Amino acid sequence: MGDGHDHSHGPSSVEADRRALTVALALLVGFMAFEVVAAVASNSLALLADAGHMLVDVGAIAGSLVAIHLAARPETRSHTYGMKRAEILAAAANAIALLIVSALVTYDAVVRLVHPSHVDGAVLIVVAAVGVAVNVVATLTVARANRRSLNVEGAYRHILTDLYGFTGTLIAGIIIVLTGFDRADAIASLLVVVLMLKAAVALLRPALHILLEATPEDIDLEEVRRHLLELPEVQSVHDLHAWTLTSSLPIVTAHVVVTDECFTTGEAGRVLDHLQECLSGHFDVAHSTLQFESAGHIEHELGGHA
């Protein structure tokens, strides 16, 4: 009977996110080309692994920019919520990409551990130091964007993982120069893999939670029910559901049984306003749909839920 709308991303926020990701994309594309040349010249798996991971990052950020564009499109007849889920799909794709790259780098690192080859530690140090600087700038840039968006957070985690990876690569280069221990390069690659796996899991779990329309973790449905029942006009609440459309946009729907007087005296509007204010104030749910019913209506419903 009622439907409140409030989207978490205003035009200014979306533009800020787009600018931050565009700057980060330009930085990473430029450095990636430089790193591939250096990796081939130095025979470094760690640099090549980082370049491969950075290629995934470039694709992930480009995908995030596309997702932001799609999510900002208005609702249509065929997409009544617009395409806001595009951001969640992009985040899930980012996580899967991290898992795939992790598997490939792990294989190559194990081969290098068993059959080590010479690595130019000096080149490793120079490239890794530049990589740290580039990724610090990119990380700080994206950190200023709206990281409540799972899509933006996915891009941020990609870049942050690169920053950690280059730090490990820099340390590996120093070890190789000082000791000649070439396996340090492969060990650094495996450390990057651990970080990629951690980032992938941290992204994939909430993305799947949203895609499977699970109840938001910060919403207790029984507590929601108790709050709705506090109003004297409300007799019972059933078919109570909550899910997340996209980042920071939870939705609640419910069938609310109210007294007959609520209909006859015209109080339904006031009661609806109160219930939606309750959902917004206590649970930060600005998008709710509540169906008001008389006490006998539930007997005529098909497939009713508690």
C-alpha atoms as a PDB file:
ATOM      1  CA  MET A   1       0.000   0.000   0.000  1.00  0.00           C
ATOM      2  CA  GLY A   2       2.962   2.271   0.594  1.00  0.00           C
ATOM      3  CA  ASP A   3       6.256   2.563  -1.221  1.00  0.00           C
ATOM      4  CA  GLY A   4       9.098   4.784  -0.036  1.00  0.00           C
ATOM      5  CA  HIS A   5      12.116   5.464  -2.260  1.00  0.00           C
ATOM      6  CA  ASP A   6      15.560   6.696  -1.398  1.00  0.00           C
ATOM      7  CA  HIS A   7      18.606   5.721  -3.369  1.00  0.00           C
ATOM      8  CA  SER A   8      21.958   5.842  -1.646  1.00  0.00           C
ATOM      9  CA  HIS A   9      23.862   7.254  -4.606  1.00  0.00           C
ATOM     10  CA  GLY A  10      23.021  10.808  -5.625  1.00  0.00           C
ATOM     11  CA  PRO A  11      24.299  12.296  -8.898  1.00  0.00           C
ATOM     12  CA  SER A  12      27.237  14.032  -7.171  1.00  0.00           C
ATOM     13  CA  SER A  13      28.258  10.802  -5.440  1.00  0.00           C
ATOM     14  CA  VAL A  14      28.102   8.835  -8.685  1.00  0.00           C
ATOM     15  CA  GLU A  15      30.206  11.462 -10.477  1.00  0.00           C
ATOM     16  CA  ALA A  16      32.780  11.401  -7.666  1.00  0.00           C
ATOM     17  CA  ASP A  17      32.985   7.598  -7.879  1.00  0.00           C
ATOM     18  CA  ARG A  18      33.351   7.752 -11.655  1.00  0.00           C
ATOM     19  CA  ARG A  19      36.150  10.333 -11.476  1.00  0.00           C
ATOM     20  CA  ALA A  20      38.051   8.391  -8.815  1.00  0.00           C
ATOM     21  CA  LEU A  21      37.876   5.136 -10.768  1.00  0.00           C
ATOM     22  CA  THR A  22      38.855   6.853 -14.028  1.00  0.00           C
ATOM     23  CA  VAL A  23      41.984   8.350 -12.452  1.00  0.00           C
ATOM     24  CA  ALA A  24      42.921   4.987 -10.942  1.00  0.00           C
ATOM     25  CA  LEU A  25      42.337   3.267 -14.293  1.00  0.00           C
ATOM     26  CA  ALA A  26      44.647   5.670 -16.125  1.00  0.00           C
ATOM     27  CA  LEU A  27      47.395   5.182 -13.535  1.00  0.00           C
ATOM     28  CA  LEU A  28      47.215   1.399 -13.656  1.00  0.00           C
ATOM     29  CA  VAL A  29      47.095   1.134 -17.459  1.00  0.00           C
ATOM     30  CA  GLY A  30      50.222   3.261 -17.771  1.00  0.00           C
ATOM     31  CA  PHE A  31      52.139   1.328 -15.159  1.00  0.00           C
ATOM     32  CA  MET A  32      50.975  -2.069 -16.406  1.00  0.00           C
ATOM     33  CA  ALA A  33      52.611  -1.521 -19.788  1.00  0.00           C
ATOM     34  CA  PHE A  34      55.841  -0.479 -18.074  1.00  0.00           C
ATOM     35  CA  GLU A  35      55.759  -3.528 -15.786  1.00  0.00           C
ATOM     36  CA  VAL A  36      55.298  -6.086 -18.561  1.00  0.00           C
ATOM     37  CA  VAL A  37      58.439  -4.806 -20.290  1.00  0.00           C
ATOM     38  CA  ALA A  38      60.367  -4.889 -17.006  1.00  0.00           C
ATOM     39  CA  ALA A  39      59.129  -8.389 -16.139  1.00  0.00           C
ATOM     40  CA  VAL A  40      60.354  -9.793 -19.455  1.00  0.00           C
ATOM     41  CA  ALA A  41      63.677  -7.968 -19.133  1.00  0.00           C
ATOM     42  CA  SER A  42      64.301  -9.176 -15.574  1.00  0.00           C
ATOM     43  CA  ASN A  43      62.825 -12.684 -15.963  1.00  0.00           C
ATOM     44  CA  SER A  44      60.683 -12.021 -12.875  1.00  0.00           C
ATOM     45  CA  LEU A  45      57.613 -14.125 -12.169  1.00  0.00           C
ATOM     46  CA  ALA A  46      56.605 -11.797  -9.334  1.00  0.00           C
ATOM     47  CA  LEU A  47      56.514  -8.818 -11.703  1.00  0.00           C
ATOM     48  CA  LEU A  48      54.718 -10.831 -14.372  1.00  0.00           C
ATOM     49  CA  ALA A  49      52.236 -12.049 -11.749  1.00  0.00           C
ATOM     50  CA  ASP A  50      51.680  -8.484 -10.611  1.00  0.00           C
ATOM     51  CA  ALA A  51      51.211  -7.392 -14.227  1.00  0.00           C
ATOM     52  CA  GLY A  52      48.661 -10.163 -14.733  1.00  0.00           C
ATOM     53  CA  HIS A  53      46.899  -9.169 -11.547  1.00  0.00           C
ATOM     54  CA  MET A  54      47.020  -5.551 -12.671  1.00  0.00           C
ATOM     55  CA  LEU A  55      45.439  -6.541 -15.984  1.00  0.00           C
ATOM     56  CA  VAL A  56      42.601  -8.020 -13.962  1.00  0.00           C
ATOM     57  CA  ASP A  57      42.477  -4.794 -11.955  1.00  0.00           C
ATOM     58  CA  VAL A  58      42.256  -2.733 -15.127  1.00  0.00           C
ATOM     59  CA  GLY A  59      39.410  -4.923 -16.365  1.00  0.00           C
ATOM     60  CA  ALA A  60      37.757  -4.798 -12.949  1.00  0.00           C
ATOM     61  CA  ILE A  61      37.881  -1.011 -12.744  1.00  0.00           C
ATOM     62  CA  ALA A  62      36.663  -0.675 -16.328  1.00  0.00           C
ATOM     63  CA  GLY A  63      33.821  -3.062 -15.454  1.00  0.00           C
ATOM     64  CA  SER A  64      33.079  -1.043 -12.341  1.00  0.00           C
ATOM     65  CA  LEU A  65      32.794   2.115 -14.425  1.00  0.00           C
ATOM     66  CA  VAL A  66      30.367   0.355 -16.777  1.00  0.00           C
ATOM     67  CA  ALA A  67      28.391  -0.906 -13.777  1.00  0.00           C
ATOM     68  CA  ILE A  68      28.148   2.615 -12.333  1.00  0.00           C
ATOM     69  CA  HIS A  69      26.780   3.821 -15.669  1.00  0.00           C
ATOM     70  CA  LEU A  70      24.228   1.006 -15.833  1.00  0.00           C
ATOM     71  CA  ALA A  71      23.174   1.413 -12.196  1.00  0.00           C
ATOM     72  CA  ALA A  72      22.462   5.099 -12.760  1.00  0.00           C
ATOM     73  CA  ARG A  73      20.006   4.373 -15.568  1.00  0.00           C
ATOM     74  CA  PRO A  74      16.352   5.073 -14.702  1.00  0.00           C
ATOM     75  CA  GLU A  75      13.671   2.453 -14.167  1.00  0.00           C
ATOM     76  CA  THR A  76      11.855   1.101 -17.213  1.00  0.00           C
ATOM     77  CA  ARG A  77       8.905  -1.188 -17.799  1.00  0.00           C
ATOM     78  CA  SER A  78      11.204  -4.154 -18.292  1.00  0.00           C
ATOM     79  CA  HIS A  79      13.542  -3.172 -15.423  1.00  0.00           C
ATOM     80  CA  THR A  80      11.327  -1.675 -12.746  1.00  0.00           C
ATOM     81  CA  TYR A  81      14.256  -1.244 -10.344  1.00  0.00           C
ATOM     82  CA  GLY A  82      16.538   0.001 -13.079  1.00  0.00           C
ATOM     83  CA  MET A  83      19.850  -1.854 -13.408  1.00  0.00           C
ATOM     84  CA  LYS A  84      21.180  -1.268  -9.912  1.00  0.00           C
ATOM     85  CA  ARG A  85      22.172  -4.915  -9.519  1.00  0.00           C
ATOM     86  CA  ALA A  86      24.867  -4.312 -12.169  1.00  0.00           C
ATOM     87  CA  GLU A  87      27.125  -3.056  -9.360  1.00  0.00           C
ATOM     88  CA  ILE A  88      26.733  -6.324  -7.466  1.00  0.00           C
ATOM     89  CA  LEU A  89      27.378  -8.400 -10.591  1.00  0.00           C
ATOM     90  CA  ALA A  90      30.552  -6.377 -11.184  1.00  0.00           C
ATOM     91  CA  ALA A  91      31.700  -7.040  -7.616  1.00  0.00           C
ATOM     92  CA  ALA A  92      31.070 -10.782  -8.019  1.00  0.00           C
ATOM     93  CA  ALA A  93      32.958 -10.764 -11.332  1.00  0.00           C
ATOM     94  CA  ASN A  94      35.877  -9.006  -9.631  1.00  0.00           C
ATOM     95  CA  ALA A  95      35.995 -11.710  -6.970  1.00  0.00           C
ATOM     96  CA  ILE A  96      35.895 -14.536  -9.520  1.00  0.00           C
ATOM     97  CA  ALA A  97      38.663 -12.865 -11.531  1.00  0.00           C
ATOM     98  CA  LEU A  98      40.819 -12.731  -8.412  1.00  0.00           C
ATOM     99  CA  LEU A  99      40.252 -16.451  -7.818  1.00  0.00           C
ATOM    100  CA  ILE A 100      41.247 -17.336 -11.389  1.00  0.00           C
ATOM    101  CA  VAL A 101      44.415 -15.230 -11.293  1.00  0.00           C
ATOM    102  CA  SER A 102      45.270 -16.725  -7.895  1.00  0.00           C
ATOM    103  CA  ALA A 103      45.151 -20.234  -9.351  1.00  0.00           C
ATOM    104  CA  LEU A 104      47.352 -19.300 -12.323  1.00  0.00           C
ATOM    105  CA  VAL A 105      49.954 -17.501 -10.216  1.00  0.00           C
ATOM    106  CA  THR A 106      50.040 -20.347  -7.679  1.00  0.00           C
ATOM    107  CA  TYR A 107      50.841 -22.843 -10.422  1.00  0.00           C
ATOM    108  CA  ASP A 108      53.657 -20.717 -11.846  1.00  0.00           C
ATOM    109  CA  ALA A 109      55.055 -19.976  -8.379  1.00  0.00           C
ATOM    110  CA  VAL A 110      55.210 -23.661  -7.451  1.00  0.00           C
ATOM    111  CA  VAL A 111      57.043 -24.409 -10.708  1.00  0.00           C
ATOM    112  CA  ARG A 112      59.547 -21.631  -9.946  1.00  0.00           C
ATOM    113  CA  LEU A 113      60.057 -22.930  -6.417  1.00  0.00           C
ATOM    114  CA  VAL A 114      60.890 -26.388  -7.729  1.00  0.00           C
ATOM    115  CA  HIS A 115      62.934 -25.108 -10.683  1.00  0.00           C
ATOM    116  CA  PRO A 116      64.200 -21.619  -9.773  1.00  0.00           C
ATOM    117  CA  SER A 117      65.568 -19.361 -12.490  1.00  0.00           C
ATOM    118  CA  HIS A 118      67.747 -16.271 -12.154  1.00  0.00           C
ATOM    119  CA  VAL A 119      65.914 -13.021 -11.423  1.00  0.00           C
ATOM    120  CA  ASP A 120      67.385  -9.542 -11.819  1.00  0.00           C
ATOM    121  CA  GLY A 121      66.854  -8.233  -8.303  1.00  0.00           C
ATOM    122  CA  ALA A 122      67.851  -4.649  -9.143  1.00  0.00           C
ATOM    123  CA  VAL A 123      65.156  -4.360 -11.817  1.00  0.00           C
ATOM    124  CA  LEU A 124      62.707  -5.940  -9.394  1.00  0.00           C
ATOM    125  CA  ILE A 125      63.456  -3.265  -6.795  1.00  0.00           C
ATOM    126  CA  VAL A 126      63.080  -0.348  -9.209  1.00  0.00           C
ATOM    127  CA  VAL A 127      59.825  -1.566 -10.759  1.00  0.00           C
ATOM    128  CA  ALA A 128      58.317  -2.576  -7.425  1.00  0.00           C
ATOM    129  CA  ALA A 129      59.187   0.806  -5.895  1.00  0.00           C
ATOM    130  CA  VAL A 130      57.454   2.606  -8.771  1.00  0.00           C
ATOM    131  CA  GLY A 131      54.529   0.188  -8.419  1.00  0.00           C
ATOM    132  CA  VAL A 132      54.183   0.981  -4.727  1.00  0.00           C
ATOM    133  CA  ALA A 133      54.099   4.718  -5.505  1.00  0.00           C
ATOM    134  CA  VAL A 134      51.528   4.341  -8.313  1.00  0.00           C
ATOM    135  CA  ASN A 135      49.273   2.094  -6.232  1.00  0.00           C
ATOM    136  CA  VAL A 136      49.478   4.368  -3.187  1.00  0.00           C
ATOM    137  CA  VAL A 137      48.127   7.217  -5.329  1.00  0.00           C
ATOM    138  CA  ALA A 138      45.453   4.975  -6.894  1.00  0.00           C
ATOM    139  CA  THR A 139      44.456   3.553  -3.512  1.00  0.00           C
ATOM    140  CA  LEU A 140      44.108   6.985  -1.906  1.00  0.00           C
ATOM    141  CA  THR A 141      42.090   8.186  -4.910  1.00  0.00           C
ATOM    142  CA  VAL A 142      39.569   5.332  -4.794  1.00  0.00           C
ATOM    143  CA  ALA A 143      39.449   5.425  -0.980  1.00  0.00           C
ATOM    144  CA  ARG A 144      37.765   8.839  -1.277  1.00  0.00           C
ATOM    145  CA  ALA A 145      34.935   7.354  -3.346  1.00  0.00           C
ATOM    146  CA  ASN A 146      31.777   5.851  -1.848  1.00  0.00           C
ATOM    147  CA  ARG A 147      33.086   2.513  -0.534  1.00  0.00           C
ATOM    148  CA  ARG A 148      29.648   1.609   0.807  1.00  0.00           C
ATOM    149  CA  SER A 149      29.085   0.559  -2.798  1.00  0.00           C
ATOM    150  CA  LEU A 150      30.229  -3.055  -3.140  1.00  0.00           C
ATOM    151  CA  ASN A 151      31.233  -2.249  -6.699  1.00  0.00           C
ATOM    152  CA  VAL A 152      33.613   0.542  -5.625  1.00  0.00           C
ATOM    153  CA  GLU A 153      34.850  -1.577  -2.739  1.00  0.00           C
ATOM    154  CA  GLY A 154      35.690  -4.328  -5.229  1.00  0.00           C
ATOM    155  CA  ALA A 155      37.838  -1.972  -7.284  1.00  0.00           C
ATOM    156  CA  TYR A 156      39.460  -0.675  -4.096  1.00  0.00           C
ATOM    157  CA  ARG A 157      40.371  -4.178  -2.927  1.00  0.00           C
ATOM    158  CA  HIS A 158      41.956  -4.964  -6.283  1.00  0.00           C
ATOM    159  CA  ILE A 159      44.198  -1.909  -6.049  1.00  0.00           C
ATOM    160  CA  LEU A 160      44.998  -2.440  -2.374  1.00  0.00           C
ATOM    161  CA  THR A 161      46.011  -6.033  -3.087  1.00  0.00           C
ATOM    162  CA  ASP A 162      48.372  -4.749  -5.776  1.00  0.00           C
ATOM    163  CA  LEU A 163      49.889  -2.345  -3.280  1.00  0.00           C
ATOM    164  CA  TYR A 164      50.582  -5.188  -0.866  1.00  0.00           C
ATOM    165  CA  GLY A 165      51.904  -7.302  -3.716  1.00  0.00           C
ATOM    166  CA  PHE A 166      54.381  -4.657  -4.848  1.00  0.00           C
ATOM    167  CA  THR A 167      55.556  -4.222  -1.277  1.00  0.00           C
ATOM    168  CA  GLY A 168      56.271  -7.959  -1.125  1.00  0.00           C
ATOM    169  CA  THR A 169      57.973  -7.826  -4.516  1.00  0.00           C
ATOM    170  CA  LEU A 170      60.168  -4.948  -3.349  1.00  0.00           C
ATOM    171  CA  ILE A 171      61.257  -6.986  -0.339  1.00  0.00           C
ATOM    172  CA  ALA A 172      61.913  -9.996  -2.584  1.00  0.00           C
ATOM    173  CA  GLY A 173      64.118  -7.865  -4.854  1.00  0.00           C
ATOM    174  CA  ILE A 174      66.168  -6.656  -1.902  1.00  0.00           C
ATOM    175  CA  ILE A 175      66.627 -10.242  -0.687  1.00  0.00           C
ATOM    176  CA  ILE A 176      67.752 -11.384  -4.152  1.00  0.00           C
ATOM    177  CA  VAL A 177      70.274  -8.543  -4.452  1.00  0.00           C
ATOM    178  CA  LEU A 178      71.696  -9.147  -0.974  1.00  0.00           C
ATOM    179  CA  THR A 179      71.668 -12.962  -0.878  1.00  0.00           C
ATOM    180  CA  GLY A 180      71.116 -14.255  -4.422  1.00  0.00           C
ATOM    181  CA  PHE A 181      68.122 -16.262  -3.189  1.00  0.00           C
ATOM    182  CA  ASP A 182      66.072 -16.349  -6.417  1.00  0.00           C
ATOM    183  CA  ARG A 183      63.220 -18.330  -4.836  1.00  0.00           C
ATOM    184  CA  ALA A 184      62.270 -15.156  -2.957  1.00  0.00           C
ATOM    185  CA  ASP A 185      60.553 -14.057  -6.183  1.00  0.00           C
ATOM    186  CA  ALA A 186      58.239 -17.086  -6.201  1.00  0.00           C
ATOM    187  CA  ILE A 187      57.612 -16.784  -2.467  1.00  0.00           C
ATOM    188  CA  ALA A 188      56.561 -13.160  -2.973  1.00  0.00           C
ATOM    189  CA  SER A 189      54.147 -14.355  -5.672  1.00  0.00           C
ATOM    190  CA  LEU A 190      52.552 -16.806  -3.240  1.00  0.00           C
ATOM    191  CA  LEU A 191      52.124 -14.022  -0.696  1.00  0.00           C
ATOM    192  CA  VAL A 192      50.294 -12.032  -3.378  1.00  0.00           C
ATOM    193  CA  VAL A 193      48.063 -15.075  -3.933  1.00  0.00           C
ATOM    194  CA  VAL A 194      47.118 -15.176  -0.247  1.00  0.00           C
ATOM    195  CA  LEU A 195      46.120 -11.518  -0.404  1.00  0.00           C
ATOM    196  CA  MET A 196      44.126 -12.069  -3.607  1.00  0.00           C
ATOM    197  CA  LEU A 197      42.246 -14.975  -2.052  1.00  0.00           C
ATOM    198  CA  LYS A 198      41.435 -12.926   1.022  1.00  0.00           C
ATOM    199  CA  ALA A 199      40.148 -10.070  -1.131  1.00  0.00           C
ATOM    200  CA  ALA A 200      38.134 -12.464  -3.320  1.00  0.00           C
ATOM    201  CA  VAL A 201      36.360 -14.057  -0.369  1.00  0.00           C
ATOM    202  CA  ALA A 202      35.664 -10.647   1.194  1.00  0.00           C
ATOM    203  CA  LEU A 203      33.993  -9.569  -2.054  1.00  0.00           C
ATOM    204  CA  LEU A 204      32.227 -12.758  -3.052  1.00  0.00           C
ATOM    205  CA  ARG A 205      30.478 -13.395   0.265  1.00  0.00           C
ATOM    206  CA  PRO A 206      28.448 -10.146   0.389  1.00  0.00           C
ATOM    207  CA  ALA A 207      27.862 -10.223  -3.379  1.00  0.00           C
ATOM    208  CA  LEU A 208      26.314 -13.706  -3.181  1.00  0.00           C
ATOM    209  CA  HIS A 209      24.397 -12.645  -0.073  1.00  0.00           C
ATOM    210  CA  ILE A 210      22.741  -9.894  -2.112  1.00  0.00           C
ATOM    211  CA  LEU A 211      22.270 -11.930  -5.301  1.00  0.00           C
ATOM    212  CA  LEU A 212      20.566 -14.718  -3.323  1.00  0.00           C
ATOM    213  CA  GLU A 213      18.289 -12.084  -1.755  1.00  0.00           C
ATOM    214  CA  ALA A 214      19.240 -13.065   1.776  1.00  0.00           C
ATOM    215  CA  THR A 215      18.052 -10.956   4.695  1.00  0.00           C
ATOM    216  CA  PRO A 216      20.468  -8.044   5.295  1.00  0.00           C
ATOM    217  CA  GLU A 217      22.834  -8.934   8.122  1.00  0.00           C
ATOM    218  CA  ASP A 218      21.992  -5.793  10.099  1.00  0.00           C
ATOM    219  CA  ILE A 219      18.228  -6.392  10.009  1.00  0.00           C
ATOM    220  CA  ASP A 220      16.505  -8.708  12.505  1.00  0.00           C
ATOM    221  CA  LEU A 221      13.077  -9.537  11.071  1.00  0.00           C
ATOM    222  CA  GLU A 222      11.609 -10.389  14.471  1.00  0.00           C
ATOM    223  CA  GLU A 223      12.713  -7.019  15.783  1.00  0.00           C
ATOM    224  CA  VAL A 224      11.147  -5.389  12.724  1.00  0.00           C
ATOM    225  CA  ARG A 225       7.913  -7.255  13.447  1.00  0.00           C
ATOM    226  CA  ARG A 226       7.950  -6.112  17.089  1.00  0.00           C
ATOM    227  CA  HIS A 227       8.393  -2.484  16.079  1.00  0.00           C
ATOM    228  CA  LEU A 228       5.535  -2.643  13.577  1.00  0.00           C
ATOM    229  CA  LEU A 229       3.248  -4.222  16.175  1.00  0.00           C
ATOM    230  CA  GLU A 230       3.832  -1.397  18.664  1.00  0.00           C
ATOM    231  CA  LEU A 231       1.179   0.722  16.966  1.00  0.00           C
ATOM    232  CA  PRO A 232      -2.272  -0.051  18.494  1.00  0.00           C
ATOM    233  CA  GLU A 233      -3.952  -0.125  15.065  1.00  0.00           C
ATOM    234  CA  VAL A 234      -1.690  -2.986  13.926  1.00  0.00           C
ATOM    235  CA  GLN A 235      -3.043  -6.427  14.847  1.00  0.00           C
ATOM    236  CA  SER A 236      -0.507  -8.692  13.123  1.00  0.00           C
ATOM    237  CA  VAL A 237       2.240  -8.767  10.518  1.00  0.00           C
ATOM    238  CA  HIS A 238       2.862 -11.587   8.032  1.00  0.00           C
ATOM    239  CA  ASP A 239       4.627 -12.141   4.686  1.00  0.00           C
ATOM    240  CA  LEU A 240       7.476 -10.097   6.132  1.00  0.00           C
ATOM    241  CA  HIS A 241      10.510 -10.099   3.823  1.00  0.00           C
ATOM    242  CA  ALA A 242      13.746  -8.145   3.640  1.00  0.00           C
ATOM    243  CA  TRP A 243      16.511  -8.199   1.041  1.00  0.00           C
ATOM    244  CA  THR A 244      19.082  -5.882  -0.502  1.00  0.00           C
ATOM    245  CA  LEU A 245      18.609  -4.561  -4.018  1.00  0.00           C
ATOM    246  CA  THR A 246      22.151  -3.185  -4.265  1.00  0.00           C
ATOM    247  CA  SER A 247      24.743  -1.765  -1.877  1.00  0.00           C
ATOM    248  CA  SER A 248      23.142   0.233   0.952  1.00  0.00           C
ATOM    249  CA  LEU A 249      19.630  -0.177  -0.444  1.00  0.00           C
ATOM    250  CA  PRO A 250      17.700  -2.650   1.762  1.00  0.00           C
ATOM    251  CA  ILE A 251      14.052  -3.305   1.009  1.00  0.00           C
ATOM    252  CA  VAL A 252      11.281  -4.514   3.307  1.00  0.00           C
ATOM    253  CA  THR A 253       7.830  -5.769   2.289  1.00  0.00           C
ATOM    254  CA  ALA A 254       5.046  -6.958   4.574  1.00  0.00           C
ATOM    255  CA  HIS A 255       1.329  -7.614   4.866  1.00  0.00           C
ATOM    256  CA  VAL A 256      -0.003  -5.635   7.835  1.00  0.00           C
ATOM    257  CA  VAL A 257      -3.351  -6.510   9.401  1.00  0.00           C
ATOM    258  CA  VAL A 258      -4.964  -3.394  10.880  1.00  0.00           C
ATOM    259  CA  THR A 259      -8.207  -2.753  12.707  1.00  0.00           C
ATOM    260  CA  ASP A 260     -11.399  -2.147  10.723  1.00  0.00           C
ATOM    261  CA  GLU A 261     -11.606   1.338  12.261  1.00  0.00           C
ATOM    262  CA  CYS A 262      -8.324   2.182  10.567  1.00  0.00           C
ATOM    263  CA  PHE A 263     -10.108   1.906   7.221  1.00  0.00           C
ATOM    264  CA  THR A 264     -13.438   3.453   8.180  1.00  0.00           C
ATOM    265  CA  THR A 265     -11.991   6.511   9.942  1.00  0.00           C
ATOM    266  CA  GLY A 266      -9.404   7.269   7.274  1.00  0.00           C
ATOM    267  CA  GLU A 267      -6.488   6.665   9.627  1.00  0.00           C
ATOM    268  CA  ALA A 268      -4.714   4.306   7.201  1.00  0.00           C
ATOM    269  CA  GLY A 269      -2.543   7.082   5.787  1.00  0.00           C
ATOM    270  CA  ARG A 270      -1.338   8.197   9.211  1.00  0.00           C
ATOM    271  CA  VAL A 271      -0.597   4.609  10.244  1.00  0.00           C
ATOM    272  CA  LEU A 272       1.327   3.981   7.014  1.00  0.00           C
ATOM    273  CA  ASP A 273       3.416   7.120   7.555  1.00  0.00           C
ATOM    274  CA  HIS A 274       4.218   6.032  11.103  1.00  0.00           C
ATOM    275  CA  LEU A 275       5.256   2.505  10.082  1.00  0.00           C
ATOM    276  CA  GLN A 276       7.497   3.692   7.258  1.00  0.00           C
ATOM    277  CA  GLU A 277       9.090   6.302   9.520  1.00  0.00           C
ATOM    278  CA  CYS A 278       9.719   3.497  12.001  1.00  0.00           C
ATOM    279  CA  LEU A 279      11.429   1.365   9.353  1.00  0.00           C
ATOM    280  CA  SER A 280      13.514   4.288   8.175  1.00  0.00           C
ATOM    281  CA  GLY A 281      14.470   5.561  11.624  1.00  0.00           C
ATOM    282  CA  HIS A 282      15.179   2.294  13.409  1.00  0.00           C
ATOM    283  CA  PHE A 283      16.428   0.078  10.585  1.00  0.00           C
ATOM    284  CA  ASP A 284      17.634   2.541   7.925  1.00  0.00           C
ATOM    285  CA  VAL A 285      15.143   1.066   5.450  1.00  0.00           C
ATOM    286  CA  ALA A 286      13.978   3.895   3.214  1.00  0.00           C
ATOM    287  CA  HIS A 287      12.372   1.625   0.609  1.00  0.00           C
ATOM    288  CA  SER A 288       9.429  -0.330   2.018  1.00  0.00           C
ATOM    289  CA  THR A 289       6.167  -1.672   0.618  1.00  0.00           C
ATOM    290  CA  LEU A 290       3.398  -2.382   3.123  1.00  0.00           C
ATOM    291  CA  GLN A 291       0.064  -3.977   2.214  1.00  0.00           C
ATOM    292  CA  PHE A 292      -2.743  -3.140   4.659  1.00  0.00           C
ATOM    293  CA  GLU A 293      -5.383  -5.845   5.225  1.00  0.00           C
ATOM    294  CA  SER A 294      -8.443  -6.478   7.338  1.00  0.00           C
ATOM    295  CA  ALA A 295      -8.403  -9.324   9.816  1.00  0.00           C
ATOM    296  CA  GLY A 296     -10.309 -11.766   7.597  1.00  0.00           C
ATOM    297  CA  HIS A 297      -8.272 -11.212   4.455  1.00  0.00           C
ATOM    298  CA  ILE A 298      -5.529 -13.699   5.340  1.00  0.00           C
ATOM    299  CA  GLU A 299      -7.991 -16.566   4.903  1.00  0.00           C
ATOM    300  CA  HIS A 300      -8.211 -15.726   1.189  1.00  0.00           C
ATOM    301  CA  GLU A 301      -4.475 -15.443   0.537  1.00  0.00           C
ATOM    302  CA  LEU A 302      -2.608 -18.044  -1.483  1.00  0.00           C
ATOM    303  CA  GLY A 303       0.751 -19.265  -0.252  1.00  0.00           C
ATOM    304  CA  GLY A 304       0.803 -17.028   2.779  1.00  0.00           C
ATOM    305  CA  HIS A 305       3.910 -16.891   4.991  1.00  0.00           C
ATOM    306  CA  ALA A 306       4.356 -16.240   8.640  1.00  0.00           C
END
